[in-house]
PDB file of N, CA and C in Angstrom:
ATOM      1  N   MET A   1      79.062  90.768  86.497  1.00  0.00           N
ATOM      2  CA  MET A   1      80.209  89.930  86.696  1.00  0.00           C
ATOM      3  C   MET A   1      79.770  88.472  86.705  1.00  0.00           C
ATOM      4  N   THR A   2      80.523  87.645  86.033  1.00  0.00           N
ATOM      5  CA  THR A   2      80.202  86.227  86.006  1.00  0.00           C
ATOM      6  C   THR A   2      80.651  85.577  87.307  1.00  0.00           C
ATOM      7  N   ASP A   3      80.140  84.387  87.557  1.00  0.00           N
ATOM      8  CA  ASP A   3      80.547  83.641  88.759  1.00  0.00           C
ATOM      9  C   ASP A   3      82.053  83.415  88.772  1.00  0.00           C
ATOM     10  N   HIS A   4      82.600  83.113  87.610  1.00  0.00           N
ATOM     11  CA  HIS A   4      84.043  82.869  87.524  1.00  0.00           C
ATOM     12  C   HIS A   4      84.827  84.135  87.877  1.00  0.00           C
ATOM     13  N   ALA A   5      84.383  85.288  87.383  1.00  0.00           N
ATOM     14  CA  ALA A   5      85.055  86.553  87.665  1.00  0.00           C
ATOM     15  C   ALA A   5      84.968  86.898  89.149  1.00  0.00           C
ATOM     16  N   VAL A   6      83.833  86.634  89.743  1.00  0.00           N
ATOM     17  CA  VAL A   6      83.649  86.894  91.176  1.00  0.00           C
ATOM     18  C   VAL A   6      84.582  86.000  91.986  1.00  0.00           C
ATOM     19  N   LYS A   7      84.632  84.720  91.637  1.00  0.00           N
ATOM     20  CA  LYS A   7      85.518  83.789  92.356  1.00  0.00           C
ATOM     21  C   LYS A   7      86.977  84.198  92.201  1.00  0.00           C
ATOM     22  N   ARG A   8      87.360  84.641  91.015  1.00  0.00           N
ATOM     23  CA  ARG A   8      88.734  85.067  90.772  1.00  0.00           C
ATOM     24  C   ARG A   8      89.054  86.310  91.617  1.00  0.00           C
ATOM     25  N   LYS A   9      88.131  87.245  91.694  1.00  0.00           N
ATOM     26  CA  LYS A   9      88.337  88.462  92.493  1.00  0.00           C
ATOM     27  C   LYS A   9      88.458  88.118  93.981  1.00  0.00           C
ATOM     28  N   ILE A  10      87.626  87.222  94.453  1.00  0.00           N
ATOM     29  CA  ILE A  10      87.691  86.782  95.850  1.00  0.00           C
ATOM     30  C   ILE A  10      89.045  86.139  96.120  1.00  0.00           C
ATOM     31  N   GLN A  11      89.518  85.322  95.201  1.00  0.00           N
ATOM     32  CA  GLN A  11      90.819  84.674  95.342  1.00  0.00           C
ATOM     33  C   GLN A  11      91.944  85.705  95.400  1.00  0.00           C
ATOM     34  N   GLU A  12      91.881  86.729  94.537  1.00  0.00           N
ATOM     35  CA  GLU A  12      92.902  87.779  94.520  1.00  0.00           C
ATOM     36  C   GLU A  12      92.942  88.525  95.855  1.00  0.00           C
ATOM     37  N   ILE A  13      91.778  88.869  96.367  1.00  0.00           N
ATOM     38  CA  ILE A  13      91.701  89.589  97.639  1.00  0.00           C
ATOM     39  C   ILE A  13      92.196  88.709  98.783  1.00  0.00           C
ATOM     40  N   SER A  14      91.834  87.437  98.751  1.00  0.00           N
ATOM     41  CA  SER A  14      92.285  86.499  99.782  1.00  0.00           C
ATOM     42  C   SER A  14      93.802  86.372  99.785  1.00  0.00           C
ATOM     43  N   GLU A  15      94.401  86.322  98.597  1.00  0.00           N
ATOM     44  CA  GLU A  15      95.853  86.212  98.504  1.00  0.00           C
ATOM     45  C   GLU A  15      96.536  87.471  99.035  1.00  0.00           C
ATOM     46  N   LEU A  16      95.981  88.642  98.735  1.00  0.00           N
ATOM     47  CA  LEU A  16      96.544  89.883  99.267  1.00  0.00           C
ATOM     48  C   LEU A  16      96.466  89.906 100.784  1.00  0.00           C
ATOM     49  N   ALA A  17      95.335  89.511 101.338  1.00  0.00           N
ATOM     50  CA  ALA A  17      95.162  89.493 102.790  1.00  0.00           C
ATOM     51  C   ALA A  17      96.085  88.474 103.437  1.00  0.00           C
ATOM     52  N   ALA A  18      96.303  87.342 102.764  1.00  0.00           N
ATOM     53  CA  ALA A  18      97.175  86.314 103.311  1.00  0.00           C
ATOM     54  C   ALA A  18      98.619  86.796 103.378  1.00  0.00           C
ATOM     55  N   ASN A  19      98.989  87.723 102.509  1.00  0.00           N
ATOM     56  CA  ASN A  19     100.343  88.256 102.506  1.00  0.00           C
ATOM     57  C   ASN A  19     100.542  89.367 103.532  1.00  0.00           C
ATOM     58  N   SER A  20      99.507  89.730 104.246  1.00  0.00           N
ATOM     59  CA  SER A  20      99.582  90.769 105.262  1.00  0.00           C
ATOM     60  C   SER A  20      99.702  90.119 106.632  1.00  0.00           C
ATOM     61  N   ILE A  21     100.470  90.735 107.492  1.00  0.00           N
ATOM     62  CA  ILE A  21     100.656  90.198 108.844  1.00  0.00           C
ATOM     63  C   ILE A  21      99.355  90.170 109.624  1.00  0.00           C
ATOM     64  N   ASP A  22      98.513  91.187 109.418  1.00  0.00           N
ATOM     65  CA  ASP A  22      97.284  91.278 110.197  1.00  0.00           C
ATOM     66  C   ASP A  22      96.045  90.781 109.461  1.00  0.00           C
ATOM     67  N   GLY A  23      96.212  90.325 108.217  1.00  0.00           N
ATOM     68  CA  GLY A  23      95.092  89.767 107.472  1.00  0.00           C
ATOM     69  C   GLY A  23      94.232  90.779 106.743  1.00  0.00           C
ATOM     70  N   TYR A  24      94.586  92.056 106.817  1.00  0.00           N
ATOM     71  CA  TYR A  24      93.835  93.090 106.113  1.00  0.00           C
ATOM     72  C   TYR A  24      94.485  93.356 104.763  1.00  0.00           C
ATOM     73  N   THR A  25      93.656  93.642 103.774  1.00  0.00           N
ATOM     74  CA  THR A  25      94.134  93.910 102.434  1.00  0.00           C
ATOM     75  C   THR A  25      94.479  95.388 102.295  1.00  0.00           C
ATOM     76  N   ARG A  26      95.720  95.645 101.923  1.00  0.00           N
ATOM     77  CA  ARG A  26      96.150  97.013 101.631  1.00  0.00           C
ATOM     78  C   ARG A  26      97.280  96.944 100.612  1.00  0.00           C
ATOM     79  N   PRO A  27      97.554  98.035  99.935  1.00  0.00           N
ATOM     80  CA  PRO A  27      98.618  98.032  98.932  1.00  0.00           C
ATOM     81  C   PRO A  27      99.983  97.712  99.565  1.00  0.00           C
ATOM     82  N   PRO A  28     100.890  97.115  98.795  1.00  0.00           N
ATOM     83  CA  PRO A  28     102.220  96.773  99.325  1.00  0.00           C
ATOM     84  C   PRO A  28     102.952  97.986  99.920  1.00  0.00           C
ATOM     85  N   GLN A  29     102.772  99.161  99.318  1.00  0.00           N
ATOM     86  CA  GLN A  29     103.433 100.363  99.845  1.00  0.00           C
ATOM     87  C   GLN A  29     102.938 100.688 101.253  1.00  0.00           C
ATOM     88  N   ALA A  30     101.656 100.493 101.486  1.00  0.00           N
ATOM     89  CA  ALA A  30     101.092 100.746 102.821  1.00  0.00           C
ATOM     90  C   ALA A  30     101.642  99.747 103.827  1.00  0.00           C
ATOM     91  N   GLU A  31     101.752  98.483 103.423  1.00  0.00           N
ATOM     92  CA  GLU A  31     102.336  97.451 104.308  1.00  0.00           C
ATOM     93  C   GLU A  31     103.764  97.837 104.668  1.00  0.00           C
ATOM     94  N   GLN A  32     104.549  98.250 103.684  1.00  0.00           N
ATOM     95  CA  GLN A  32     105.940  98.633 103.917  1.00  0.00           C
ATOM     96  C   GLN A  32     106.030  99.822 104.864  1.00  0.00           C
ATOM     97  N   GLN A  33     105.124 100.788 104.698  1.00  0.00           N
ATOM     98  CA  GLN A  33     105.128 101.969 105.556  1.00  0.00           C
ATOM     99  C   GLN A  33     104.792 101.593 107.004  1.00  0.00           C
ATOM    100  N   ILE A  34     103.790 100.760 107.182  1.00  0.00           N
ATOM    101  CA  ILE A  34     103.412 100.324 108.539  1.00  0.00           C
ATOM    102  C   ILE A  34     104.568  99.562 109.182  1.00  0.00           C
ATOM    103  N   ASN A  35     105.187  98.665 108.417  1.00  0.00           N
ATOM    104  CA  ASN A  35     106.321  97.907 108.943  1.00  0.00           C
ATOM    105  C   ASN A  35     107.466  98.832 109.337  1.00  0.00           C
ATOM    106  N   ALA A  36     107.753  99.825 108.510  1.00  0.00           N
ATOM    107  CA  ALA A  36     108.836 100.768 108.813  1.00  0.00           C
ATOM    108  C   ALA A  36     108.543 101.540 110.095  1.00  0.00           C
ATOM    109  N   ILE A  37     107.310 101.975 110.266  1.00  0.00           N
ATOM    110  CA  ILE A  37     106.934 102.704 111.481  1.00  0.00           C
ATOM    111  C   ILE A  37     107.120 101.803 112.703  1.00  0.00           C
ATOM    112  N   CYS A  38     106.652 100.567 112.621  1.00  0.00           N
ATOM    113  CA  CYS A  38     106.792  99.636 113.754  1.00  0.00           C
ATOM    114  C   CYS A  38     108.260  99.363 114.061  1.00  0.00           C
ATOM    115  N   ARG A  39     109.088  99.185 113.023  1.00  0.00           N
ATOM    116  CA  ARG A  39     110.520  98.977 113.253  1.00  0.00           C
ATOM    117  C   ARG A  39     111.136 100.184 113.948  1.00  0.00           C
ATOM    118  N   ASP A  40     110.812 101.386 113.456  1.00  0.00           N
ATOM    119  CA  ASP A  40     111.383 102.610 114.026  1.00  0.00           C
ATOM    120  C   ASP A  40     110.975 102.811 115.485  1.00  0.00           C
ATOM    121  N   VAL A  41     109.712 102.573 115.782  1.00  0.00           N
ATOM    122  CA  VAL A  41     109.186 102.867 117.117  1.00  0.00           C
ATOM    123  C   VAL A  41     109.506 101.758 118.122  1.00  0.00           C
ATOM    124  N   LEU A  42     109.446 100.510 117.698  1.00  0.00           N
ATOM    125  CA  LEU A  42     109.503  99.407 118.651  1.00  0.00           C
ATOM    126  C   LEU A  42     110.867  98.740 118.812  1.00  0.00           C
ATOM    127  N   ASN A  43     111.850  99.099 118.002  1.00  0.00           N
ATOM    128  CA  ASN A  43     113.136  98.404 118.095  1.00  0.00           C
ATOM    129  C   ASN A  43     114.170  99.124 118.945  1.00  0.00           C
ATOM    130  N   GLY A  44     113.862 100.290 119.453  1.00  0.00           N
ATOM    131  CA  GLY A  44     114.784 100.988 120.343  1.00  0.00           C
ATOM    132  C   GLY A  44     114.644 100.483 121.770  1.00  0.00           C
ATOM    133  N   THR A  45     115.385 101.092 122.674  1.00  0.00           N
ATOM    134  CA  THR A  45     115.352 100.702 124.081  1.00  0.00           C
ATOM    135  C   THR A  45     113.949 100.860 124.673  1.00  0.00           C
ATOM    136  N   ALA A  46     113.319 101.988 124.410  1.00  0.00           N
ATOM    137  CA  ALA A  46     111.963 102.222 124.926  1.00  0.00           C
ATOM    138  C   ALA A  46     110.971 101.250 124.289  1.00  0.00           C
ATOM    139  N   GLY A  47     111.131 100.984 123.002  1.00  0.00           N
ATOM    140  CA  GLY A  47     110.256 100.037 122.318  1.00  0.00           C
ATOM    141  C   GLY A  47     110.379  98.635 122.872  1.00  0.00           C
ATOM    142  N   GLU A  48     111.607  98.219 123.158  1.00  0.00           N
ATOM    143  CA  GLU A  48     111.827  96.891 123.769  1.00  0.00           C
ATOM    144  C   GLU A  48     111.154  96.818 125.134  1.00  0.00           C
ATOM    145  N   ALA A  49     111.288  97.887 125.915  1.00  0.00           N
ATOM    146  CA  ALA A  49     110.650  97.917 127.239  1.00  0.00           C
ATOM    147  C   ALA A  49     109.139  97.847 127.097  1.00  0.00           C
ATOM    148  N   LEU A  50     108.587  98.566 126.131  1.00  0.00           N
ATOM    149  CA  LEU A  50     107.143  98.518 125.888  1.00  0.00           C
ATOM    150  C   LEU A  50     106.706  97.116 125.486  1.00  0.00           C
ATOM    151  N   MET A  51     107.441  96.492 124.560  1.00  0.00           N
ATOM    152  CA  MET A  51     107.078  95.136 124.126  1.00  0.00           C
ATOM    153  C   MET A  51     107.177  94.147 125.285  1.00  0.00           C
ATOM    154  N   ASP A  52     108.185  94.287 126.139  1.00  0.00           N
ATOM    155  CA  ASP A  52     108.303  93.416 127.318  1.00  0.00           C
ATOM    156  C   ASP A  52     107.077  93.565 128.211  1.00  0.00           C
ATOM    157  N   TYR A  53     106.655  94.809 128.440  1.00  0.00           N
ATOM    158  CA  TYR A  53     105.476  95.054 129.262  1.00  0.00           C
ATOM    159  C   TYR A  53     104.235  94.432 128.622  1.00  0.00           C
ATOM    160  N   LEU A  54     104.042  94.690 127.319  1.00  0.00           N
ATOM    161  CA  LEU A  54     102.866  94.148 126.638  1.00  0.00           C
ATOM    162  C   LEU A  54     102.856  92.622 126.660  1.00  0.00           C
ATOM    163  N   ARG A  55     104.010  91.994 126.478  1.00  0.00           N
ATOM    164  CA  ARG A  55     104.064  90.527 126.564  1.00  0.00           C
ATOM    165  C   ARG A  55     103.731  90.048 127.981  1.00  0.00           C
ATOM    166  N   SER A  56     104.159  90.820 128.983  1.00  0.00           N
ATOM    167  CA  SER A  56     103.903  90.403 130.367  1.00  0.00           C
ATOM    168  C   SER A  56     102.416  90.390 130.709  1.00  0.00           C
ATOM    169  N   ILE A  57     101.635  91.252 130.056  1.00  0.00           N
ATOM    170  CA  ILE A  57     100.197  91.286 130.359  1.00  0.00           C
ATOM    171  C   ILE A  57      99.365  90.530 129.327  1.00  0.00           C
ATOM    172  N   THR A  58     100.031  89.963 128.323  1.00  0.00           N
ATOM    173  CA  THR A  58      99.283  89.248 127.278  1.00  0.00           C
ATOM    174  C   THR A  58      99.823  87.835 127.097  1.00  0.00           C
ATOM    175  N   THR A  59     100.874  87.706 126.342  1.00  0.00           N
ATOM    176  CA  THR A  59     101.420  86.397 125.972  1.00  0.00           C
ATOM    177  C   THR A  59     101.861  85.596 127.180  1.00  0.00           C
ATOM    178  N   ASN A  60     102.487  86.245 128.154  1.00  0.00           N
ATOM    179  CA  ASN A  60     103.010  85.534 129.321  1.00  0.00           C
ATOM    180  C   ASN A  60     102.012  85.436 130.470  1.00  0.00           C
ATOM    181  N   ALA A  61     100.841  86.019 130.313  1.00  0.00           N
ATOM    182  CA  ALA A  61      99.833  85.990 131.373  1.00  0.00           C
ATOM    183  C   ALA A  61      99.027  84.695 131.292  1.00  0.00           C
ATOM    184  N   VAL A  62      98.723  84.149 132.436  1.00  0.00           N
ATOM    185  CA  VAL A  62      97.899  82.942 132.519  1.00  0.00           C
ATOM    186  C   VAL A  62      96.535  83.349 133.062  1.00  0.00           C
ATOM    187  N   MET A  63      95.500  82.980 132.336  1.00  0.00           N
ATOM    188  CA  MET A  63      94.143  83.316 132.772  1.00  0.00           C
ATOM    189  C   MET A  63      93.718  82.391 133.910  1.00  0.00           C
ATOM    190  N   HIS A  64      92.953  82.919 134.836  1.00  0.00           N
ATOM    191  CA  HIS A  64      92.473  82.120 135.960  1.00  0.00           C
ATOM    192  C   HIS A  64      91.395  81.151 135.470  1.00  0.00           C
ATOM    193  N   PRO A  65      91.257  80.010 136.115  1.00  0.00           N
ATOM    194  CA  PRO A  65      90.326  78.975 135.643  1.00  0.00           C
ATOM    195  C   PRO A  65      88.868  79.422 135.578  1.00  0.00           C
ATOM    196  N   SER A  66      88.491  80.405 136.368  1.00  0.00           N
ATOM    197  CA  SER A  66      87.094  80.831 136.371  1.00  0.00           C
ATOM    198  C   SER A  66      86.846  82.051 135.489  1.00  0.00           C
ATOM    199  N   CYS A  67      87.789  82.354 134.581  1.00  0.00           N
ATOM    200  CA  CYS A  67      87.596  83.538 133.731  1.00  0.00           C
ATOM    201  C   CYS A  67      86.406  83.303 132.804  1.00  0.00           C
ATOM    202  N   SER A  68      85.760  84.379 132.486  1.00  0.00           N
ATOM    203  CA  SER A  68      84.579  84.287 131.628  1.00  0.00           C
ATOM    204  C   SER A  68      84.999  84.195 130.161  1.00  0.00           C
ATOM    205  N   ASP A  69      84.055  83.843 129.333  1.00  0.00           N
ATOM    206  CA  ASP A  69      84.299  83.775 127.897  1.00  0.00           C
ATOM    207  C   ASP A  69      84.728  85.148 127.377  1.00  0.00           C
ATOM    208  N   ALA A  70      84.101  86.193 127.868  1.00  0.00           N
ATOM    209  CA  ALA A  70      84.436  87.554 127.437  1.00  0.00           C
ATOM    210  C   ALA A  70      85.865  87.915 127.836  1.00  0.00           C
ATOM    211  N   GLU A  71      86.269  87.552 129.058  1.00  0.00           N
ATOM    212  CA  GLU A  71      87.642  87.829 129.498  1.00  0.00           C
ATOM    213  C   GLU A  71      88.653  87.086 128.622  1.00  0.00           C
ATOM    214  N   LEU A  72      88.362  85.846 128.325  1.00  0.00           N
ATOM    215  CA  LEU A  72      89.259  85.043 127.495  1.00  0.00           C
ATOM    216  C   LEU A  72      89.358  85.616 126.088  1.00  0.00           C
ATOM    217  N   ARG A  73      88.241  86.017 125.529  1.00  0.00           N
ATOM    218  CA  ARG A  73      88.259  86.616 124.189  1.00  0.00           C
ATOM    219  C   ARG A  73      89.050  87.921 124.179  1.00  0.00           C
ATOM    220  N   MET A  74      88.894  88.731 125.200  1.00  0.00           N
ATOM    221  CA  MET A  74      89.634  89.979 125.274  1.00  0.00           C
ATOM    222  C   MET A  74      91.136  89.695 125.368  1.00  0.00           C
ATOM    223  N   GLN A  75      91.506  88.736 126.194  1.00  0.00           N
ATOM    224  CA  GLN A  75      92.920  88.381 126.357  1.00  0.00           C
ATOM    225  C   GLN A  75      93.511  87.877 125.044  1.00  0.00           C
ATOM    226  N   GLU A  76      92.774  87.036 124.349  1.00  0.00           N
ATOM    227  CA  GLU A  76      93.269  86.508 123.068  1.00  0.00           C
ATOM    228  C   GLU A  76      93.392  87.616 122.033  1.00  0.00           C
ATOM    229  N   GLY A  77      92.485  88.580 122.051  1.00  0.00           N
ATOM    230  CA  GLY A  77      92.593  89.723 121.151  1.00  0.00           C
ATOM    231  C   GLY A  77      93.837  90.550 121.440  1.00  0.00           C
ATOM    232  N   MET A  78      94.118  90.762 122.712  1.00  0.00           N
ATOM    233  CA  MET A  78      95.324  91.508 123.087  1.00  0.00           C
ATOM    234  C   MET A  78      96.574  90.740 122.669  1.00  0.00           C
ATOM    235  N   ARG A  79      96.559  89.428 122.867  1.00  0.00           N
ATOM    236  CA  ARG A  79      97.701  88.603 122.454  1.00  0.00           C
ATOM    237  C   ARG A  79      97.925  88.700 120.950  1.00  0.00           C
ATOM    238  N   ARG A  80      96.847  88.688 120.203  1.00  0.00           N
ATOM    239  CA  ARG A  80      96.959  88.799 118.741  1.00  0.00           C
ATOM    240  C   ARG A  80      97.577  90.136 118.350  1.00  0.00           C
ATOM    241  N   LEU A  81      97.132  91.213 118.976  1.00  0.00           N
ATOM    242  CA  LEU A  81      97.669  92.531 118.664  1.00  0.00           C
ATOM    243  C   LEU A  81      99.165  92.611 118.986  1.00  0.00           C
ATOM    244  N   VAL A  82      99.564  92.092 120.123  1.00  0.00           N
ATOM    245  CA  VAL A  82     100.988  92.097 120.485  1.00  0.00           C
ATOM    246  C   VAL A  82     101.776  91.251 119.484  1.00  0.00           C
ATOM    247  N   GLY A  83     101.213  90.137 119.059  1.00  0.00           N
ATOM    248  CA  GLY A  83     101.871  89.311 118.059  1.00  0.00           C
ATOM    249  C   GLY A  83     102.045  90.032 116.736  1.00  0.00           C
ATOM    250  N   ILE A  84     101.043  90.781 116.325  1.00  0.00           N
ATOM    251  CA  ILE A  84     101.127  91.560 115.084  1.00  0.00           C
ATOM    252  C   ILE A  84     102.207  92.627 115.215  1.00  0.00           C
ATOM    253  N   MET A  85     102.221  93.338 116.330  1.00  0.00           N
ATOM    254  CA  MET A  85     103.237  94.370 116.539  1.00  0.00           C
ATOM    255  C   MET A  85     104.638  93.759 116.535  1.00  0.00           C
ATOM    256  N   ASP A  86     104.790  92.625 117.191  1.00  0.00           N
ATOM    257  CA  ASP A  86     106.085  91.953 117.258  1.00  0.00           C
ATOM    258  C   ASP A  86     106.532  91.496 115.865  1.00  0.00           C
ATOM    259  N   ALA A  87     105.621  90.947 115.098  1.00  0.00           N
ATOM    260  CA  ALA A  87     105.965  90.491 113.745  1.00  0.00           C
ATOM    261  C   ALA A  87     106.339  91.673 112.854  1.00  0.00           C
ATOM    262  N   ARG A  88     105.627  92.760 112.973  1.00  0.00           N
ATOM    263  CA  ARG A  88     105.919  93.936 112.135  1.00  0.00           C
ATOM    264  C   ARG A  88     107.266  94.558 112.497  1.00  0.00           C
ATOM    265  N   ARG A  89     107.606  94.574 113.773  1.00  0.00           N
ATOM    266  CA  ARG A  89     108.893  95.174 114.148  1.00  0.00           C
ATOM    267  C   ARG A  89     110.064  94.295 113.742  1.00  0.00           C
ATOM    268  N   LYS A  90     109.815  93.018 113.494  1.00  0.00           N
ATOM    269  CA  LYS A  90     110.887  92.106 113.091  1.00  0.00           C
ATOM    270  C   LYS A  90     111.023  92.000 111.573  1.00  0.00           C
ATOM    271  N   THR A  91     110.218  92.742 110.828  1.00  0.00           N
ATOM    272  CA  THR A  91     110.338  92.712 109.372  1.00  0.00           C
ATOM    273  C   THR A  91     111.658  93.357 108.967  1.00  0.00           C
ATOM    274  N   THR A  92     112.103  93.037 107.777  1.00  0.00           N
ATOM    275  CA  THR A  92     113.320  93.657 107.254  1.00  0.00           C
ATOM    276  C   THR A  92     112.947  94.690 106.211  1.00  0.00           C
ATOM    277  N   GLN A  93     113.732  95.718 106.155  1.00  0.00           N
ATOM    278  CA  GLN A  93     113.476  96.788 105.197  1.00  0.00           C
ATOM    279  C   GLN A  93     113.697  96.256 103.796  1.00  0.00           C
ATOM    280  N   LYS A  94     112.780  96.571 102.903  1.00  0.00           N
ATOM    281  CA  LYS A  94     112.863  96.102 101.519  1.00  0.00           C
ATOM    282  C   LYS A  94     114.122  96.646 100.869  1.00  0.00           C
ATOM    283  N   GLY A  95     114.850  95.762 100.199  1.00  0.00           N
ATOM    284  CA  GLY A  95     116.067  96.164  99.524  1.00  0.00           C
ATOM    285  C   GLY A  95     117.310  95.986 100.380  1.00  0.00           C
ATOM    286  N   LYS A  96     117.138  95.486 101.602  1.00  0.00           N
ATOM    287  CA  LYS A  96     118.302  95.290 102.486  1.00  0.00           C
ATOM    288  C   LYS A  96     118.466  93.837 102.832  1.00  0.00           C
TER     289      LYS A  96
END
């Protein structure tokens, strides 16, 4: 593979990942399936209650001033996951 071909392939993969909510590259059908599952599971009454709980321990939680770097990294990772779940459940079904 030439340098140009390698750069073009890297660009293609980067664009696919940029179009994903979580930054991972997967086929559009897989993205749609994951989004549909998140919408089905998280948009009902129980799903709303679960998301409220997850936000209460992540997004709405304030870390104490003496928290360690590891604690802060773990908290930010949890916040990211809740954000991904929230974004996926708010997607719209393709064709609607």
